[in-house]
Structures are given as C-alpha cells and as structure tokens.
Protein backbone atom coordinates (compact mmCIF):
# COMPACT_ATOMS: atom_id res chain seq x y z
CA MET A 1 -7.38 -15.82 0.13
CA SER A 2 -4.85 -12.18 0.69
CA LEU A 3 -7.47 -10.88 2.78
CA ARG A 4 -7.73 -14.49 5.08
CA TYR A 5 -3.57 -13.73 5.27
CA ALA A 6 -3.46 -10.57 6.15
CA LEU A 7 -6.45 -10.99 9.03
CA LEU A 8 -4.11 -14.21 10.35
CA GLY A 9 -1.04 -11.71 10.21
CA LEU A 10 -3.03 -9.33 12.61
CA LEU A 11 -3.86 -11.73 14.60
CA ALA A 12 -0.77 -13.25 14.89
CA ASP A 13 0.43 -9.84 16.47
CA GLU A 14 -2.25 -9.08 18.69
CA ALA A 15 -5.94 -10.06 19.33
CA GLY A 16 -8.85 -8.42 19.03
CA SER A 17 -12.34 -7.87 17.59
CA GLY A 18 -13.69 -7.30 14.09
CA TYR A 19 -14.17 -3.35 14.90
CA GLU A 20 -10.36 -3.37 16.41
CA LEU A 21 -8.98 -5.65 13.58
CA THR A 22 -10.91 -3.26 10.99
CA LYS A 23 -9.54 0.14 12.49
CA LYS A 24 -5.47 -1.27 12.67
CA PHE A 25 -6.53 -2.62 8.76
CA GLU A 26 -7.57 0.74 7.57
CA ARG A 27 -4.42 2.10 9.64
CA SER A 28 -1.97 -0.03 8.13
CA LEU A 29 -2.79 -2.20 5.34
CA ASP A 30 -5.70 -0.84 3.50
CA ARG A 31 -3.76 1.91 2.02
CA TYR A 32 -0.40 0.10 1.17
CA ALA A 33 -0.84 -3.25 0.80
CA TRP A 34 -4.27 -4.86 0.92
CA HIS A 35 -7.98 -3.73 0.72
CA ALA A 36 -11.30 -4.55 2.16
CA LYS A 37 -14.27 -3.34 3.15
CA HIS A 38 -15.44 -3.34 6.64
CA ASN A 39 -17.78 -6.08 6.03
CA GLN A 40 -15.01 -8.56 3.90
CA VAL A 41 -13.30 -8.27 7.43
CA TYR A 42 -16.40 -9.62 9.32
CA GLN A 43 -17.26 -12.20 6.85
CA GLU A 44 -13.36 -13.10 6.58
CA LEU A 45 -12.98 -13.73 10.64
CA ASN A 46 -16.45 -16.11 10.48
CA ARG A 47 -14.38 -18.18 7.89
CA LEU A 48 -11.45 -18.11 10.04
CA ALA A 49 -13.55 -19.54 13.06
CA ALA A 50 -14.93 -22.18 10.87
CA ASP A 51 -11.88 -23.18 10.30
CA GLY A 52 -10.04 -23.29 12.63
CA LEU A 53 -8.16 -20.64 11.78
CA ALA A 54 -8.79 -18.33 14.09
CA GLU A 55 -11.20 -18.26 17.39
CA VAL A 56 -13.38 -16.27 19.62
CA VAL A 57 -11.41 -16.05 23.03
CA GLU A 58 -13.84 -13.20 24.44
CA GLU A 59 -17.65 -11.76 24.14
CA GLY A 60 -18.84 -8.99 25.15
CA ALA A 61 -22.12 -6.40 24.98
CA ARG A 62 -23.52 -5.94 21.81
CA GLY A 63 -22.30 -8.68 20.39
CA ARG A 64 -18.87 -7.98 20.75
CA LYS A 65 -16.42 -11.14 19.80
CA THR A 66 -12.97 -10.36 20.77
CA TYR A 67 -10.62 -13.42 17.89
CA ALA A 68 -7.32 -14.85 18.58
CA ILE A 69 -5.07 -16.93 16.13
CA THR A 70 -5.12 -20.62 16.70
CA GLU A 71 -2.32 -22.70 16.08
CA ALA A 72 -3.14 -24.25 13.03
CA GLY A 73 -3.58 -20.63 11.84
CA ARG A 74 0.18 -19.82 12.71
CA ALA A 75 0.86 -22.52 11.44
CA ASP A 76 -1.29 -22.01 7.66
CA LEU A 77 0.36 -18.00 7.77
CA ARG A 78 3.54 -19.29 7.91
CA GLN A 79 3.26 -21.91 5.28
CA TRP A 80 1.62 -18.80 3.07
CA LEU A 81 4.63 -16.47 3.69
CA LEU A 82 7.04 -19.81 2.93
CA ASN A 83 5.50 -20.55 -0.43
CA PRO A 84 4.87 -17.11 -2.27
CA PRO A 85 2.95 -17.35 -5.96
CA ARG A 86 5.14 -17.90 -8.96
CA ASN A 87 2.77 -15.61 -10.54
CA PRO A 88 1.51 -13.00 -8.54
CA VAL A 89 -1.43 -11.22 -9.81
CA VAL A 90 -1.09 -7.71 -9.91
CA ARG A 91 -3.74 -5.04 -9.39
CA ASN A 92 -2.04 -1.69 -9.29
CA GLU A 93 -5.11 0.93 -11.32
CA PHE A 94 -2.59 3.98 -11.31
CA VAL A 95 0.20 1.79 -13.65
CA LEU A 96 -2.83 0.71 -15.72
CA ARG A 97 -3.87 4.54 -15.86
CA LEU A 98 -0.06 5.09 -16.87
CA PHE A 99 -0.97 2.56 -20.04
CA LEU A 100 -3.30 4.62 -20.72
CA LEU A 101 -2.14 8.45 -20.36
CA PHE A 102 -1.69 8.17 -24.12
CA ALA A 103 -5.81 8.96 -24.42
CA LEU A 104 -5.15 12.51 -22.48
CA ASP A 105 -3.62 15.84 -24.32
CA PRO A 106 0.11 16.28 -22.86
CA LYS A 107 -1.32 19.22 -20.06
CA GLU A 108 -3.65 16.35 -19.02
CA ALA A 109 -1.04 13.74 -18.48
CA ARG A 110 1.56 16.32 -16.92
CA VAL A 111 -1.55 17.02 -14.35
CA VAL A 112 -2.53 13.35 -13.42
CA LEU A 113 1.60 12.70 -12.86
CA ALA A 114 1.95 16.24 -10.65
CA GLU A 115 -0.92 15.90 -8.82
CA TYR A 116 0.77 11.39 -8.25
CA ALA A 117 3.91 13.25 -7.13
CA ALA A 118 2.35 15.46 -4.86
CA ALA A 119 0.34 12.43 -3.63
CA VAL A 120 3.07 10.15 -2.91
CA GLN A 121 5.20 12.75 -1.21
CA ARG A 122 2.17 14.18 1.51
CA ASP A 123 2.05 10.24 1.90
CA LEU A 124 6.08 9.99 2.40
CA ASP A 125 5.89 12.92 5.35
CA ALA A 126 2.99 11.56 7.08
CA LEU A 127 5.30 7.54 6.83
CA THR A 128 8.45 9.31 7.70
CA ALA A 129 6.83 11.53 10.79
CA LEU A 130 5.08 7.96 12.12
CA VAL A 131 8.32 6.39 11.76
CA GLU A 132 9.88 9.02 13.60
CA SER A 133 7.93 8.97 16.41
CA ALA A 134 7.66 5.54 16.83
CA ASP A 135 11.32 4.89 16.65
CA VAL A 136 13.11 4.06 19.46
CA ASP A 137 16.65 5.87 21.07
CA PRO A 138 20.10 4.08 19.52
CA ALA A 139 21.26 5.79 22.10
CA ASP A 140 19.46 3.90 24.57
CA GLY A 141 21.02 0.61 23.68
CA VAL A 142 17.69 -0.82 22.15
CA LEU A 143 16.79 -0.77 19.10
CA PRO A 144 13.20 -1.88 17.33
CA ASP A 145 12.60 -5.28 16.91
CA PRO A 146 13.35 -5.03 12.69
CA LEU A 147 10.04 -7.77 12.52
CA ALA A 148 8.17 -6.10 14.27
CA PHE A 149 4.32 -5.83 13.05
CA GLY A 150 4.60 -3.24 10.29
CA HIS A 151 8.46 -2.02 10.57
CA LEU A 152 9.69 -3.39 7.55
CA ALA A 153 6.91 -2.61 5.43
CA ALA A 154 7.33 0.98 7.18
CA GLY A 155 11.40 0.72 5.84
CA PHE A 156 10.35 -0.17 2.50
CA GLY A 157 7.53 2.95 1.94
CA LEU A 158 10.39 5.02 3.28
CA HIS A 159 12.40 3.80 0.18
CA MET A 160 9.57 3.35 -2.41
CA LEU A 161 8.05 6.49 -2.21
CA PRO A 162 11.37 8.94 -2.63
CA ALA A 163 11.90 7.01 -5.98
CA SER A 164 8.32 6.95 -6.63
CA ARG A 165 8.19 10.55 -6.29
CA ASP A 166 11.47 11.34 -8.37
CA TRP A 167 10.18 8.48 -11.15
CA ALA A 168 6.87 11.68 -10.86
CA HIS A 169 9.43 14.36 -11.62
CA TRP A 170 10.93 12.27 -14.20
CA ALA A 171 7.82 11.82 -16.34
CA ILE A 172 6.68 14.60 -16.33
CA ALA A 173 10.06 16.38 -17.57
CA GLN A 174 9.38 14.14 -20.68
CA ILE A 175 6.87 14.76 -21.43
CA ASP A 176 7.47 18.52 -21.26
CA ASN A 177 10.61 17.66 -23.05
CA TRP A 178 8.29 16.04 -25.56
CA THR A 179 6.16 18.79 -26.10
CA GLU A 180 8.91 21.48 -26.53
CA GLU A 181 10.04 19.36 -28.87
CA GLY A 182 7.46 19.00 -31.11
CA GLU A 183 6.87 22.65 -30.64
CA GLU A 184 9.53 23.43 -32.01
CA LYS A 185 9.85 20.59 -35.18
CA SER A 186 5.92 22.69 -35.78
CA GLU A 187 6.76 25.78 -35.29
CA ALA A 188 9.79 25.13 -38.10
CA GLU A 189 7.31 23.07 -40.20
CA ASP A 190 4.81 26.24 -40.33
CA GLY A 191 8.12 28.73 -41.32
CA ALA A 192 9.48 26.14 -44.07
CA ARG A 193 5.59 25.75 -45.54
CA GLY A 194 5.30 29.56 -45.10
CA ALA A 195 8.78 30.16 -47.09
C-alpha cells in the first residue's frame, strides 16, 4: 500500500511519466524509504488512474503517458499522512541479520559490521555532498523550504547515518572485548589445567 502513497507523493511534487517517476523513485525513495520494481511502478500508476487518484494529462510517442495527481489523490495522500498506522509493518533486512549474527564466528560477524560501517559512511558522504550542492546560501536571505520534497528526509539521513555508523563501531568493539576476554579466560583455564 505504501507504494501507492509514494507515487502520489511524487506526483504531488510534480507530474511525470512512468519512466520519470521510476527514475525519481530510484534516486530518492528506493534506497532510503521504499523499494519498488520498475513494473510495480507502472502497475500502480494504472491503479491510481483507475481509482481516480491520478490522471493522464499528456500522451506522447511510444505510448508515453504523463500522470498528474487529482484532487481526490491529494485528499487520499493527506489522509494517509495524517493517520500513520498504530502498528507499522517493519521490514529491515539488516536488523534481521543482526538477530542472526550468532550463527557466525566472531571474526565473520566483525567483517559484516565493518562492511556495514563502511557502507553507511559512503552513504553519508554522498548525502552530505548532495545536500551541500542543493543548499541555498543563507547569506542571500533565502533558506530552503523545509517541506520541499526530500528536505526533511535528507536531514533525517544526516542525523541517522552517523548514529548507525557509530553504532557499528560500538558493536565491533563489543565483539572485540568479548573475544579478548574469552581468549584470556581460555588461556587462564588452560594454564590451570596444565599446573
């Protein structure tokens, strides 16, 4: 159901063809908020049009259609935004892997966490560069609209990514400390047996 509202939100920002919306989805929503395949986007656009929440405002070559949100679509999007679910469905594959890290030896678990920390740092670097290239100079007296598409989500990423990276470093230290303590304990037990 969230794909419907993701597309309504993109259309509320600006009208677009299925191809344009798929590309915008991939650049902004796909990696950070919601994943959808190319064909899912087109199928959902057809459903939105059938339900009167979007409409085709232009048709071009090779069957290209440009969609725009309708007033009913804006009302539905607004209703969805104002009424978040009490028990949202959570699907976070990385957190699932965290629950199951016990199945790896400590060195392997450490590698998984180190790779995660590095990936988060790459994402943070890319997001920081993107935000810095888009920000308006406050000296000009014009600040970016905080409700512009993606602005608050980018701010969320700029706060969340460092916390995720720092957590991964903390988790690695936990494994390292536990492994060192375990080795020391094992050596002490071996020494006591040998005496």
